[in-house]
Amino acid sequence: MRDGAELVFVEVRYRASARFGDGASTVTRSKQLKLTRAAREFLVRCRIPPDQVCRFDVISVSKQNYHPRFNWIANAFTTD
């Protein structure tokens, strides 16, 4: 998606129960590396200029009393 001039890659994670943590906690370093590689491939294939500002957001979805709960974490991690 776009947020102004930024290109945003959004990872949506769902947990049926927060008993073992929310969806955001499942975006481990290993998952971050996979997302980063996929984003780089996308940028190359779509011929996006190398100076394009990008960020990674995570949307964590969980159930709370049978109602969905959303937590949007902007700039959840960096590629450094």
N, C-alpha and C. Protein backbone atom coordinates (compact mmCIF):
# COMPACT_ATOMS: atom_id res chain seq x y z
N MET A 1 0.84 -1.17 0.00
CA MET A 1 0.00 0.00 0.00
C MET A 1 0.89 1.23 0.00
N ARG A 2 0.30 2.36 -0.22
CA ARG A 2 1.03 3.63 -0.14
C ARG A 2 0.53 4.42 1.06
N ASP A 3 1.46 5.09 1.71
CA ASP A 3 1.15 6.04 2.77
C ASP A 3 1.95 7.29 2.44
N GLY A 4 1.32 8.20 1.72
CA GLY A 4 2.06 9.35 1.22
C GLY A 4 3.07 8.87 0.20
N ALA A 5 4.33 9.23 0.40
CA ALA A 5 5.40 8.82 -0.52
C ALA A 5 5.97 7.44 -0.17
N GLU A 6 5.60 6.90 0.98
CA GLU A 6 6.15 5.60 1.41
C GLU A 6 5.40 4.43 0.78
N LEU A 7 6.14 3.40 0.45
CA LEU A 7 5.57 2.12 0.02
C LEU A 7 5.56 1.24 1.26
N VAL A 8 4.39 0.72 1.62
CA VAL A 8 4.25 -0.02 2.87
C VAL A 8 3.92 -1.48 2.57
N PHE A 9 4.72 -2.37 3.13
CA PHE A 9 4.46 -3.80 3.08
C PHE A 9 3.77 -4.17 4.39
N VAL A 10 2.59 -4.79 4.29
CA VAL A 10 1.79 -5.06 5.48
C VAL A 10 1.66 -6.57 5.67
N GLU A 11 2.04 -7.05 6.84
CA GLU A 11 1.89 -8.46 7.22
C GLU A 11 0.72 -8.54 8.19
N VAL A 12 -0.28 -9.35 7.88
CA VAL A 12 -1.45 -9.52 8.74
C VAL A 12 -1.33 -10.88 9.43
N ARG A 13 -1.41 -10.85 10.75
CA ARG A 13 -1.27 -12.08 11.55
C ARG A 13 -2.50 -12.24 12.43
N TYR A 14 -3.04 -13.46 12.45
CA TYR A 14 -4.25 -13.75 13.22
C TYR A 14 -3.96 -14.80 14.28
N ARG A 15 -4.49 -14.57 15.45
CA ARG A 15 -4.44 -15.56 16.53
C ARG A 15 -5.85 -15.72 17.07
N ALA A 16 -6.32 -16.95 17.14
CA ALA A 16 -7.66 -17.21 17.67
C ALA A 16 -7.72 -16.94 19.17
N SER A 17 -6.56 -17.00 19.82
CA SER A 17 -6.50 -16.77 21.25
C SER A 17 -5.20 -16.04 21.57
N ALA A 18 -5.25 -15.13 22.51
CA ALA A 18 -4.05 -14.42 22.96
C ALA A 18 -3.33 -15.17 24.07
N ARG A 19 -3.74 -16.39 24.30
CA ARG A 19 -3.16 -17.19 25.39
C ARG A 19 -1.64 -17.31 25.29
N PHE A 20 -1.12 -17.44 24.08
CA PHE A 20 0.33 -17.57 23.88
C PHE A 20 0.92 -16.34 23.19
N GLY A 21 0.26 -15.20 23.32
CA GLY A 21 0.74 -13.97 22.70
C GLY A 21 -0.14 -13.57 21.54
N ASP A 22 0.03 -12.35 21.10
CA ASP A 22 -0.78 -11.87 19.99
C ASP A 22 -0.12 -12.21 18.66
N GLY A 23 -0.80 -11.89 17.58
CA GLY A 23 -0.27 -12.19 16.25
C GLY A 23 1.04 -11.52 15.96
N ALA A 24 1.24 -10.32 16.48
CA ALA A 24 2.49 -9.59 16.23
C ALA A 24 3.69 -10.34 16.78
N SER A 25 3.50 -11.08 17.85
CA SER A 25 4.63 -11.81 18.45
C SER A 25 5.09 -12.97 17.57
N THR A 26 4.30 -13.33 16.56
CA THR A 26 4.71 -14.40 15.65
C THR A 26 5.57 -13.90 14.50
N VAL A 27 5.76 -12.59 14.42
CA VAL A 27 6.64 -12.04 13.39
C VAL A 27 8.06 -12.03 13.95
N THR A 28 8.65 -13.20 13.94
CA THR A 28 9.99 -13.41 14.48
C THR A 28 11.05 -12.84 13.54
N ARG A 29 12.29 -12.88 13.95
CA ARG A 29 13.39 -12.41 13.10
C ARG A 29 13.44 -13.22 11.80
N SER A 30 13.19 -14.50 11.89
CA SER A 30 13.16 -15.35 10.71
C SER A 30 12.07 -14.90 9.73
N LYS A 31 10.89 -14.62 10.26
CA LYS A 31 9.78 -14.15 9.42
C LYS A 31 10.11 -12.79 8.82
N GLN A 32 10.75 -11.92 9.60
CA GLN A 32 11.14 -10.60 9.10
C GLN A 32 12.09 -10.73 7.92
N LEU A 33 13.03 -11.66 8.00
CA LEU A 33 13.96 -11.88 6.89
C LEU A 33 13.24 -12.36 5.64
N LYS A 34 12.26 -13.25 5.81
CA LYS A 34 11.47 -13.73 4.67
C LYS A 34 10.68 -12.58 4.04
N LEU A 35 10.09 -11.74 4.86
CA LEU A 35 9.33 -10.60 4.36
C LEU A 35 10.24 -9.62 3.63
N THR A 36 11.42 -9.40 4.18
CA THR A 36 12.39 -8.49 3.56
C THR A 36 12.82 -9.02 2.19
N ARG A 37 13.11 -10.31 2.10
CA ARG A 37 13.49 -10.90 0.81
C ARG A 37 12.36 -10.78 -0.21
N ALA A 38 11.14 -11.04 0.22
CA ALA A 38 9.99 -10.94 -0.67
C ALA A 38 9.80 -9.50 -1.14
N ALA A 39 9.99 -8.54 -0.24
CA ALA A 39 9.86 -7.13 -0.61
C ALA A 39 10.92 -6.73 -1.62
N ARG A 40 12.15 -7.17 -1.40
CA ARG A 40 13.22 -6.85 -2.35
C ARG A 40 12.92 -7.42 -3.73
N GLU A 41 12.42 -8.64 -3.77
CA GLU A 41 12.05 -9.27 -5.04
C GLU A 41 10.95 -8.47 -5.73
N PHE A 42 9.96 -8.05 -4.96
CA PHE A 42 8.88 -7.23 -5.50
C PHE A 42 9.41 -5.93 -6.10
N LEU A 43 10.30 -5.28 -5.37
CA LEU A 43 10.86 -4.00 -5.83
C LEU A 43 11.61 -4.17 -7.15
N VAL A 44 12.37 -5.25 -7.26
CA VAL A 44 13.14 -5.52 -8.48
C VAL A 44 12.20 -5.84 -9.64
N ARG A 45 11.27 -6.76 -9.41
CA ARG A 45 10.36 -7.19 -10.49
C ARG A 45 9.47 -6.05 -10.99
N CYS A 46 9.08 -5.18 -10.09
CA CYS A 46 8.19 -4.07 -10.47
C CYS A 46 8.97 -2.82 -10.87
N ARG A 47 10.29 -2.96 -10.90
CA ARG A 47 11.18 -1.86 -11.31
C ARG A 47 10.93 -0.58 -10.49
N ILE A 48 10.80 -0.77 -9.20
CA ILE A 48 10.64 0.35 -8.28
C ILE A 48 12.02 0.98 -8.09
N PRO A 49 12.15 2.30 -8.17
CA PRO A 49 13.45 2.94 -8.01
C PRO A 49 14.10 2.58 -6.67
N PRO A 50 15.42 2.41 -6.66
CA PRO A 50 16.11 1.98 -5.43
C PRO A 50 16.03 3.00 -4.29
N ASP A 51 15.70 4.24 -4.58
CA ASP A 51 15.60 5.25 -3.52
C ASP A 51 14.19 5.34 -2.92
N GLN A 52 13.30 4.43 -3.32
CA GLN A 52 11.93 4.42 -2.79
C GLN A 52 11.96 4.14 -1.30
N VAL A 53 11.30 4.99 -0.53
CA VAL A 53 11.21 4.79 0.92
C VAL A 53 10.14 3.73 1.18
N CYS A 54 10.53 2.70 1.95
CA CYS A 54 9.63 1.59 2.26
C CYS A 54 9.59 1.38 3.77
N ARG A 55 8.51 0.76 4.22
CA ARG A 55 8.42 0.37 5.63
C ARG A 55 7.61 -0.90 5.73
N PHE A 56 7.72 -1.57 6.87
CA PHE A 56 7.00 -2.80 7.15
C PHE A 56 6.06 -2.59 8.33
N ASP A 57 4.78 -2.82 8.09
CA ASP A 57 3.77 -2.73 9.14
C ASP A 57 3.26 -4.13 9.45
N VAL A 58 2.75 -4.31 10.66
CA VAL A 58 2.14 -5.57 11.05
C VAL A 58 0.75 -5.25 11.60
N ILE A 59 -0.24 -5.98 11.11
CA ILE A 59 -1.59 -5.90 11.68
C ILE A 59 -1.84 -7.21 12.42
N SER A 60 -2.05 -7.08 13.70
CA SER A 60 -2.31 -8.23 14.55
C SER A 60 -3.81 -8.30 14.81
N VAL A 61 -4.42 -9.44 14.48
CA VAL A 61 -5.85 -9.63 14.67
C VAL A 61 -6.04 -10.77 15.66
N SER A 62 -6.88 -10.52 16.67
CA SER A 62 -7.17 -11.57 17.64
C SER A 62 -8.64 -11.47 18.04
N LYS A 63 -9.12 -12.52 18.67
CA LYS A 63 -10.49 -12.51 19.18
C LYS A 63 -10.47 -12.11 20.64
N GLN A 64 -11.45 -11.29 21.00
CA GLN A 64 -11.61 -10.93 22.40
C GLN A 64 -13.11 -10.93 22.67
N ASN A 65 -13.57 -11.88 23.47
CA ASN A 65 -15.00 -12.03 23.75
C ASN A 65 -15.81 -12.13 22.46
N TYR A 66 -15.33 -12.95 21.55
CA TYR A 66 -15.99 -13.21 20.27
C TYR A 66 -16.00 -12.02 19.31
N HIS A 67 -15.25 -10.99 19.63
CA HIS A 67 -15.15 -9.82 18.75
C HIS A 67 -13.71 -9.67 18.28
N PRO A 68 -13.52 -9.32 17.01
CA PRO A 68 -12.14 -9.14 16.53
C PRO A 68 -11.50 -7.90 17.15
N ARG A 69 -10.23 -8.03 17.43
CA ARG A 69 -9.44 -6.91 17.97
C ARG A 69 -8.27 -6.70 17.02
N PHE A 70 -8.10 -5.48 16.55
CA PHE A 70 -7.06 -5.15 15.58
C PHE A 70 -6.01 -4.26 16.23
N ASN A 71 -4.77 -4.57 15.96
CA ASN A 71 -3.66 -3.73 16.44
C ASN A 71 -2.74 -3.50 15.25
N TRP A 72 -2.71 -2.28 14.75
CA TRP A 72 -1.89 -1.92 13.59
C TRP A 72 -0.58 -1.33 14.12
N ILE A 73 0.53 -1.98 13.80
CA ILE A 73 1.84 -1.52 14.25
C ILE A 73 2.58 -0.98 13.04
N ALA A 74 2.63 0.34 12.93
CA ALA A 74 3.34 0.97 11.81
C ALA A 74 4.84 0.90 12.07
N ASN A 75 5.59 0.65 11.00
CA ASN A 75 7.05 0.57 11.10
C ASN A 75 7.45 -0.47 12.16
N ALA A 76 6.86 -1.64 12.06
CA ALA A 76 7.03 -2.70 13.06
C ALA A 76 8.47 -3.20 13.16
N PHE A 77 9.20 -3.19 12.04
CA PHE A 77 10.60 -3.58 12.05
C PHE A 77 11.31 -2.93 10.89
N THR A 78 12.63 -2.91 10.97
CA THR A 78 13.44 -2.35 9.89
C THR A 78 14.31 -3.44 9.30
N THR A 79 14.93 -3.15 8.17
CA THR A 79 15.76 -4.14 7.49
C THR A 79 17.21 -4.09 7.95
N ASP A 80 17.53 -3.25 8.90
CA ASP A 80 18.92 -3.12 9.38
C ASP A 80 19.33 -4.30 10.23
